[in-house]
Amino acid sequence: MNPKLSMPKISKLLPCPFCGFKPVVQRCGSITVPKLLIGCRNQFCFASPIIVADTAKEAAAQWNRRAPE
């Protein structure tokens, strides 16, 4: 199996900050320029946030970042 095509392991993702649903993780891009997409899968989420990044670690860090309280 091509390692660029396998789904990377992401240890923990926070729920969507707008609706609380569990996010979906998908590969996107191409074989030569692979990307990882994390987004809200709730069709009724008013914000429908999506993160696209080069690595699983980068995507998870962006998705899990929240505004300071």
C-alpha atoms as a PDB file:
ATOM      1  CA  MET A   1       0.000   0.000   0.000  1.00  0.00           C
ATOM      2  CA  ASN A   2       1.266   3.457  -0.860  1.00  0.00           C
ATOM      3  CA  PRO A   3       1.887   5.347   2.439  1.00  0.00           C
ATOM      4  CA  LYS A   4       0.721   8.583   0.837  1.00  0.00           C
ATOM      5  CA  LEU A   5      -2.693   7.015   0.252  1.00  0.00           C
ATOM      6  CA  SER A   6      -3.227   5.485   3.688  1.00  0.00           C
ATOM      7  CA  MET A   7      -5.357   7.417   6.166  1.00  0.00           C
ATOM      8  CA  PRO A   8      -3.145   8.908   8.875  1.00  0.00           C
ATOM      9  CA  LYS A   9      -3.940   8.320  12.519  1.00  0.00           C
ATOM     10  CA  ILE A  10      -5.227  11.355  14.386  1.00  0.00           C
ATOM     11  CA  SER A  11      -5.338  10.767  18.114  1.00  0.00           C
ATOM     12  CA  LYS A  12      -7.989  13.227  19.288  1.00  0.00           C
ATOM     13  CA  LEU A  13     -10.193  15.742  17.557  1.00  0.00           C
ATOM     14  CA  LEU A  14     -12.500  18.080  19.405  1.00  0.00           C
ATOM     15  CA  PRO A  15     -16.135  18.276  18.286  1.00  0.00           C
ATOM     16  CA  CYS A  16     -17.261  21.054  15.961  1.00  0.00           C
ATOM     17  CA  PRO A  17     -16.994  24.351  17.868  1.00  0.00           C
ATOM     18  CA  PHE A  18     -20.328  25.528  16.443  1.00  0.00           C
ATOM     19  CA  CYS A  19     -22.658  22.535  16.720  1.00  0.00           C
ATOM     20  CA  GLY A  20     -20.804  19.889  18.758  1.00  0.00           C
ATOM     21  CA  PHE A  21     -20.836  17.132  16.118  1.00  0.00           C
ATOM     22  CA  LYS A  22     -17.915  14.760  15.599  1.00  0.00           C
ATOM     23  CA  PRO A  23     -15.720  15.895  12.689  1.00  0.00           C
ATOM     24  CA  VAL A  24     -15.033  13.876   9.552  1.00  0.00           C
ATOM     25  CA  VAL A  25     -11.486  13.252   8.285  1.00  0.00           C
ATOM     26  CA  GLN A  26     -10.859  12.784   4.559  1.00  0.00           C
ATOM     27  CA  ARG A  27      -7.942  12.718   2.166  1.00  0.00           C
ATOM     28  CA  CYS A  28      -8.008  15.302  -0.584  1.00  0.00           C
ATOM     29  CA  GLY A  29      -5.576  16.781  -3.064  1.00  0.00           C
ATOM     30  CA  SER A  30      -3.691  14.396  -5.349  1.00  0.00           C
ATOM     31  CA  ILE A  31      -1.203  11.546  -5.094  1.00  0.00           C
ATOM     32  CA  THR A  32       1.677  13.942  -5.676  1.00  0.00           C
ATOM     33  CA  VAL A  33       0.300  16.670  -3.381  1.00  0.00           C
ATOM     34  CA  PRO A  34      -1.718  14.877  -0.683  1.00  0.00           C
ATOM     35  CA  LYS A  35      -3.783  16.955   1.718  1.00  0.00           C
ATOM     36  CA  LEU A  36      -5.973  16.136   4.679  1.00  0.00           C
ATOM     37  CA  LEU A  37      -9.402  17.662   5.245  1.00  0.00           C
ATOM     38  CA  ILE A  38     -11.187  17.855   8.602  1.00  0.00           C
ATOM     39  CA  GLY A  39     -14.688  19.265   8.690  1.00  0.00           C
ATOM     40  CA  CYS A  40     -18.065  19.216  10.376  1.00  0.00           C
ATOM     41  CA  ARG A  41     -20.339  16.495   9.045  1.00  0.00           C
ATOM     42  CA  ASN A  42     -23.568  17.952  10.430  1.00  0.00           C
ATOM     43  CA  GLN A  43     -25.627  19.064   7.443  1.00  0.00           C
ATOM     44  CA  PHE A  44     -27.472  21.550   9.657  1.00  0.00           C
ATOM     45  CA  CYS A  45     -24.355  23.223  11.108  1.00  0.00           C
ATOM     46  CA  PHE A  46     -24.650  26.912  10.291  1.00  0.00           C
ATOM     47  CA  ALA A  47     -20.863  27.406  10.062  1.00  0.00           C
ATOM     48  CA  SER A  48     -19.733  24.139   8.400  1.00  0.00           C
ATOM     49  CA  PRO A  49     -16.037  24.684   9.259  1.00  0.00           C
ATOM     50  CA  ILE A  50     -13.390  22.951   7.137  1.00  0.00           C
ATOM     51  CA  ILE A  51      -9.629  22.685   7.647  1.00  0.00           C
ATOM     52  CA  VAL A  52      -7.245  21.587   4.879  1.00  0.00           C
ATOM     53  CA  ALA A  53      -3.599  20.924   5.737  1.00  0.00           C
ATOM     54  CA  ASP A  54      -0.518  19.085   4.510  1.00  0.00           C
ATOM     55  CA  THR A  55      -0.129  16.749   7.499  1.00  0.00           C
ATOM     56  CA  ALA A  56      -2.380  15.057  10.043  1.00  0.00           C
ATOM     57  CA  LYS A  57      -0.592  16.822  12.899  1.00  0.00           C
ATOM     58  CA  GLU A  58      -1.058  20.237  11.280  1.00  0.00           C
ATOM     59  CA  ALA A  59      -4.723  19.562  10.446  1.00  0.00           C
ATOM     60  CA  ALA A  60      -5.511  18.345  13.975  1.00  0.00           C
ATOM     61  CA  ALA A  61      -3.758  21.354  15.547  1.00  0.00           C
ATOM     62  CA  GLN A  62      -5.757  23.755  13.371  1.00  0.00           C
ATOM     63  CA  TRP A  63      -9.067  21.957  13.990  1.00  0.00           C
ATOM     64  CA  ASN A  64      -8.531  21.741  17.756  1.00  0.00           C
ATOM     65  CA  ARG A  65      -7.522  25.413  18.127  1.00  0.00           C
ATOM     66  CA  ARG A  66     -10.220  27.431  19.892  1.00  0.00           C
ATOM     67  CA  ALA A  67     -10.578  31.073  20.875  1.00  0.00           C
ATOM     68  CA  PRO A  68      -9.309  31.846  24.377  1.00  0.00           C
ATOM     69  CA  GLU A  69     -12.000  31.952  27.023  1.00  0.00           C
END
